[in-house]
Amino acid sequence: MTEDILSATGLVRRFAGVTAVDDVDLSVRTGEILGLIGPNGAGKTTLVNLVTGFDRPDTGRVFLDGHDITRLSAAQRSRRGLVRTFQGARIFGRLTVRENLVVSALPRLGSRRRAESRADELLEYGEVTALRMTPGERLSAGTQRIVGLLRAVAAQPSALLIDEPAAGLNEVESDQLSRLLSAISENMEIGMMIIEHDMKVIMSLCHRVQVLNHGRTIAVGSPDEIRRDPAVLTAYLGSSSGNAHA
């Protein structure tokens, strides 16, 4: 892990007098996985919307690779390398797995041949080469999630924000997805931020965890530090060892 690839300072967002995000800073380093957790209504989704350009802050700034992107739209941020995945897989059901990856890689790579080569690399990387000619609509929910993640990586992002990657998956599928996320973190120059309800995934996968409550950051640290943090235990995790939901 090196310098910050994605950062934000002093983000504030108010709705009808309610402060949903209250002076929040964050940073994601290249090769790092940052987990974002907190109780329902803590401001997680609003914060991600501010970072990715789906909403604008009342005050505060967002930076990608050292450049101020606060005024850029979500589409402009995506073209700069800030990619967001949503809870639904959102792959093209009538396209094959390989075609899904080619379509995603093509805009950044510029040629069909290079996009196909990249797609074939990612098929092997995600251990789905055997499904390369299978239409997306015929995949299981877990495999669709894998392909959706590979599609995001095919776009060659420098920063990747992932919304609840393990939602609805069984334990085997969740473990497979976690292995892929870990491999991406270790082998590709991508910084990742993950919102996830599954505390097992967060605590086993993330290098750092940031906890929100009532729109404010109440703790940032390693998974072990977060497990022991008194403010987190009071506001969020309770007295359990980490089986609560984000």
Protein backbone atom coordinates (compact mmCIF):
# COMPACT_ATOMS: atom_id res chain seq x y z
CA MET A 1 0.00 0.00 0.00
CA THR A 2 1.28 3.43 -0.99
CA GLU A 3 -0.27 6.90 -1.16
CA ASP A 4 -3.97 7.71 -1.07
CA ILE A 5 -5.68 7.04 -4.39
CA LEU A 6 -9.05 8.30 -3.11
CA SER A 7 -9.70 10.75 -0.32
CA ALA A 8 -12.31 13.16 0.98
CA THR A 9 -12.11 15.99 3.50
CA GLY A 10 -14.82 17.69 5.53
CA LEU A 11 -17.82 16.23 3.70
CA VAL A 12 -21.17 17.58 4.91
CA ARG A 13 -24.62 16.82 3.49
CA ARG A 14 -27.89 18.07 4.93
CA PHE A 15 -31.45 17.12 3.98
CA ALA A 16 -34.31 19.31 5.25
CA GLY A 17 -32.35 20.31 8.33
CA VAL A 18 -31.07 16.78 9.06
CA THR A 19 -27.29 16.35 8.76
CA ALA A 20 -26.80 12.97 7.09
CA VAL A 21 -23.02 13.31 6.71
CA ASP A 22 -21.31 15.53 9.24
CA ASP A 23 -17.69 16.61 8.57
CA VAL A 24 -16.43 13.21 7.39
CA ASP A 25 -12.91 12.56 6.12
CA LEU A 26 -11.81 9.31 4.48
CA SER A 27 -8.86 7.91 2.59
CA VAL A 28 -8.24 4.78 0.54
CA ARG A 29 -4.72 3.78 -0.42
CA THR A 30 -3.66 1.93 -3.52
CA GLY A 31 -3.84 -1.81 -2.78
CA GLU A 32 -5.95 -1.29 0.35
CA ILE A 33 -9.43 -2.48 1.24
CA LEU A 34 -11.28 -0.04 3.50
CA GLY A 35 -14.47 -1.30 5.13
CA LEU A 36 -17.26 1.20 5.79
CA ILE A 37 -19.73 0.11 8.46
CA GLY A 38 -22.30 1.56 10.83
CA PRO A 39 -25.89 1.15 12.01
CA ASN A 40 -28.81 1.69 9.65
CA GLY A 41 -29.17 5.41 9.04
CA ALA A 42 -25.52 6.10 9.92
CA GLY A 43 -24.90 7.89 6.62
CA LYS A 44 -22.96 5.21 4.72
CA THR A 45 -24.93 5.35 1.47
CA THR A 46 -25.04 9.14 1.49
CA LEU A 47 -21.27 9.25 1.99
CA VAL A 48 -20.66 6.88 -0.92
CA ASN A 49 -23.03 8.93 -3.09
CA LEU A 50 -20.99 12.04 -2.30
CA VAL A 51 -17.70 10.32 -3.08
CA THR A 52 -18.90 8.82 -6.36
CA GLY A 53 -20.75 11.88 -7.66
CA PHE A 54 -24.33 10.64 -7.35
CA ASP A 55 -24.87 13.50 -4.90
CA ARG A 56 -23.05 16.75 -4.14
CA PRO A 57 -21.80 17.80 -0.69
CA ASP A 58 -22.89 21.04 0.92
CA THR A 59 -19.25 21.47 1.91
CA GLY A 60 -16.11 19.39 1.59
CA ARG A 61 -13.93 18.06 -1.23
CA VAL A 62 -13.22 14.74 -2.93
CA PHE A 63 -9.88 13.81 -4.51
CA LEU A 64 -8.90 11.03 -6.90
CA ASP A 65 -5.18 10.44 -7.41
CA GLY A 66 -4.50 13.90 -5.98
CA HIS A 67 -6.95 15.71 -8.30
CA ASP A 68 -10.01 17.54 -7.00
CA ILE A 69 -13.07 15.81 -8.51
CA THR A 70 -15.71 17.42 -6.30
CA ARG A 71 -17.46 19.17 -9.19
CA LEU A 72 -17.32 16.21 -11.60
CA SER A 73 -20.39 14.11 -12.38
CA ALA A 74 -20.58 10.40 -11.59
CA ALA A 75 -19.91 9.57 -15.25
CA GLN A 76 -16.88 11.87 -15.34
CA ARG A 77 -15.50 10.31 -12.16
CA SER A 78 -15.99 6.85 -13.64
CA ARG A 79 -14.02 7.82 -16.74
CA ARG A 80 -11.25 9.09 -14.44
CA GLY A 81 -11.06 5.67 -12.77
CA LEU A 82 -13.53 5.82 -9.84
CA VAL A 83 -15.89 2.88 -10.38
CA ARG A 84 -18.86 1.90 -8.20
CA THR A 85 -20.63 -1.45 -8.06
CA PHE A 86 -24.14 -1.77 -6.68
CA GLN A 87 -25.72 -4.52 -4.60
CA GLY A 88 -27.45 -5.96 -7.69
CA ALA A 89 -25.01 -7.60 -10.09
CA ARG A 90 -26.34 -5.60 -13.08
CA ILE A 91 -24.64 -7.73 -15.71
CA PHE A 92 -26.08 -8.06 -19.22
CA GLY A 93 -28.24 -11.17 -19.07
CA ARG A 94 -28.30 -11.91 -22.79
CA LEU A 95 -24.56 -11.50 -23.25
CA THR A 96 -22.14 -14.29 -22.43
CA VAL A 97 -19.81 -13.96 -19.46
CA ARG A 98 -16.91 -13.18 -21.80
CA GLU A 99 -18.95 -10.60 -23.72
CA ASN A 100 -19.86 -8.87 -20.45
CA LEU A 101 -16.17 -8.42 -19.68
CA VAL A 102 -15.27 -7.32 -23.21
CA VAL A 103 -17.97 -4.63 -23.18
CA SER A 104 -16.60 -3.26 -19.90
CA ALA A 105 -12.94 -3.35 -20.99
CA LEU A 106 -13.45 -1.85 -24.45
CA PRO A 107 -13.87 1.86 -23.56
CA ARG A 108 -10.59 2.01 -21.61
CA LEU A 109 -8.52 -0.26 -23.87
CA GLY A 110 -9.73 1.12 -27.19
CA SER A 111 -9.53 -2.01 -29.33
CA ARG A 112 -11.58 -5.19 -29.53
CA ARG A 113 -8.47 -7.38 -29.56
CA ARG A 114 -7.05 -5.84 -26.38
CA ALA A 115 -10.46 -5.96 -24.67
CA GLU A 116 -10.85 -9.65 -25.50
CA SER A 117 -7.36 -10.39 -24.21
CA ARG A 118 -8.15 -8.58 -20.97
CA ALA A 119 -11.45 -10.44 -20.65
CA ASP A 120 -9.72 -13.80 -21.05
CA GLU A 121 -7.20 -12.88 -18.34
CA LEU A 122 -10.00 -11.96 -15.94
CA LEU A 123 -11.99 -15.10 -16.71
CA GLU A 124 -9.02 -17.12 -15.54
CA TYR A 125 -8.40 -14.82 -12.61
CA GLY A 126 -11.98 -15.22 -11.39
CA GLU A 127 -11.98 -18.98 -12.04
CA VAL A 128 -14.95 -18.72 -14.41
CA THR A 129 -13.27 -19.64 -17.72
CA ALA A 130 -15.53 -22.69 -18.04
CA LEU A 131 -18.53 -20.34 -18.08
CA ARG A 132 -17.13 -17.95 -20.69
CA MET A 133 -19.88 -18.72 -23.26
CA THR A 134 -22.74 -18.91 -20.73
CA PRO A 135 -25.34 -16.11 -20.92
CA GLY A 136 -25.39 -13.98 -17.80
CA GLU A 137 -29.06 -14.70 -17.13
CA ARG A 138 -28.25 -18.40 -16.66
CA LEU A 139 -25.71 -17.85 -13.88
CA SER A 140 -26.37 -18.37 -10.19
CA ALA A 141 -26.65 -15.28 -8.01
CA GLY A 142 -23.18 -15.86 -6.59
CA THR A 143 -21.58 -16.28 -10.00
CA GLN A 144 -23.35 -13.18 -11.28
CA ARG A 145 -21.79 -11.29 -8.39
CA ILE A 146 -18.34 -12.63 -9.35
CA VAL A 147 -18.85 -11.62 -12.97
CA GLY A 148 -20.13 -8.20 -11.90
CA LEU A 149 -16.96 -7.65 -9.90
CA LEU A 150 -14.79 -8.82 -12.80
CA ARG A 151 -16.67 -6.41 -15.06
CA ALA A 152 -15.82 -3.55 -12.72
CA VAL A 153 -12.15 -4.58 -12.70
CA ALA A 154 -12.18 -4.88 -16.51
CA ALA A 155 -12.85 -1.13 -16.65
CA GLN A 156 -9.38 -0.69 -15.10
CA PRO A 157 -10.36 1.50 -12.16
CA SER A 158 -7.85 3.06 -9.82
CA ALA A 159 -10.49 3.12 -7.05
CA LEU A 160 -13.42 0.73 -6.66
CA LEU A 161 -16.39 1.23 -4.31
CA ILE A 162 -18.38 -1.94 -3.69
CA ASP A 163 -21.87 -1.96 -2.19
CA GLU A 164 -22.64 -5.09 -0.11
CA PRO A 165 -20.83 -7.66 -2.26
CA ALA A 166 -21.86 -10.62 -0.07
CA ALA A 167 -25.55 -9.74 0.27
CA GLY A 168 -27.76 -12.74 -0.47
CA LEU A 169 -24.86 -15.14 -0.99
CA ASN A 170 -24.42 -18.43 0.82
CA GLU A 171 -21.25 -19.12 2.81
CA VAL A 172 -19.44 -20.87 -0.05
CA GLU A 173 -20.25 -18.05 -2.50
CA SER A 174 -19.29 -15.41 0.06
CA ASP A 175 -15.93 -17.10 0.69
CA GLN A 176 -15.25 -17.31 -3.06
CA LEU A 177 -16.04 -13.62 -3.48
CA SER A 178 -13.83 -12.69 -0.53
CA ARG A 179 -10.92 -14.64 -2.03
CA LEU A 180 -11.33 -12.77 -5.30
CA LEU A 181 -11.48 -9.38 -3.58
CA SER A 182 -8.37 -10.23 -1.58
CA ALA A 183 -6.53 -11.33 -4.73
CA ILE A 184 -7.48 -8.12 -6.53
CA SER A 185 -6.20 -6.09 -3.59
CA GLU A 186 -2.91 -7.98 -3.49
CA ASN A 187 -2.16 -8.14 -7.21
CA MET A 188 -3.72 -5.08 -8.85
CA GLU A 189 -3.10 -1.41 -8.16
CA ILE A 190 -6.65 -0.70 -7.06
CA GLY A 191 -7.88 0.89 -3.85
CA MET A 192 -11.21 -0.48 -2.65
CA MET A 193 -13.89 0.66 -0.23
CA ILE A 194 -16.57 -1.85 0.75
CA ILE A 195 -19.93 -1.32 2.43
CA GLU A 196 -20.99 -4.67 3.86
CA HIS A 197 -23.44 -5.99 6.46
CA ASP A 198 -21.56 -9.26 6.94
CA MET A 199 -19.08 -8.57 9.73
CA LYS A 200 -17.19 -11.79 9.03
CA VAL A 201 -16.42 -10.49 5.54
CA ILE A 202 -15.42 -7.05 6.83
CA MET A 203 -13.20 -8.28 9.63
CA SER A 204 -11.44 -10.95 7.58
CA LEU A 205 -10.98 -8.96 4.38
CA CYS A 206 -10.35 -5.30 5.20
CA HIS A 207 -7.04 -3.68 6.08
CA ARG A 208 -8.82 -0.81 7.84
CA VAL A 209 -12.40 -0.19 8.93
CA GLN A 210 -14.16 3.16 9.24
CA VAL A 211 -17.27 3.33 11.42
CA LEU A 212 -20.03 5.91 11.03
CA ASN A 213 -22.77 6.76 13.49
CA HIS A 214 -25.28 9.60 13.12
CA GLY A 215 -23.34 10.86 10.10
CA ARG A 216 -19.99 11.16 11.88
CA THR A 217 -16.89 9.00 11.96
CA ILE A 218 -16.58 7.47 15.41
CA ALA A 219 -13.60 5.19 14.73
CA VAL A 220 -11.02 4.28 12.09
CA GLY A 221 -8.53 1.46 12.55
CA SER A 222 -7.57 -2.12 11.92
CA PRO A 223 -10.25 -4.80 12.34
CA ASP A 224 -8.76 -5.74 15.72
CA GLU A 225 -8.81 -2.12 16.87
CA ILE A 226 -12.42 -1.70 15.75
CA ARG A 227 -13.49 -4.86 17.62
CA ARG A 228 -12.13 -3.38 20.86
CA ASP A 229 -13.12 0.27 20.38
CA PRO A 230 -15.52 1.31 23.20
CA ALA A 231 -17.43 3.78 21.02
CA VAL A 232 -18.03 1.13 18.38
CA LEU A 233 -19.10 -1.45 20.94
CA THR A 234 -21.58 1.01 22.41
CA ALA A 235 -23.00 2.37 19.16
CA TYR A 236 -22.85 -0.59 16.87
CA LEU A 237 -21.36 -3.98 17.63
CA GLY A 238 -22.81 -4.38 21.09
CA SER A 239 -21.15 -6.89 23.37
CA SER A 240 -20.78 -9.55 20.64
CA SER A 241 -17.47 -10.52 19.02
CA GLY A 242 -18.46 -9.19 15.63
CA ASN A 243 -21.57 -10.98 14.46
CA ALA A 244 -23.77 -7.92 14.36
CA HIS A 245 -24.98 -6.40 11.12
CA ALA A 246 -23.71 -3.21 9.55
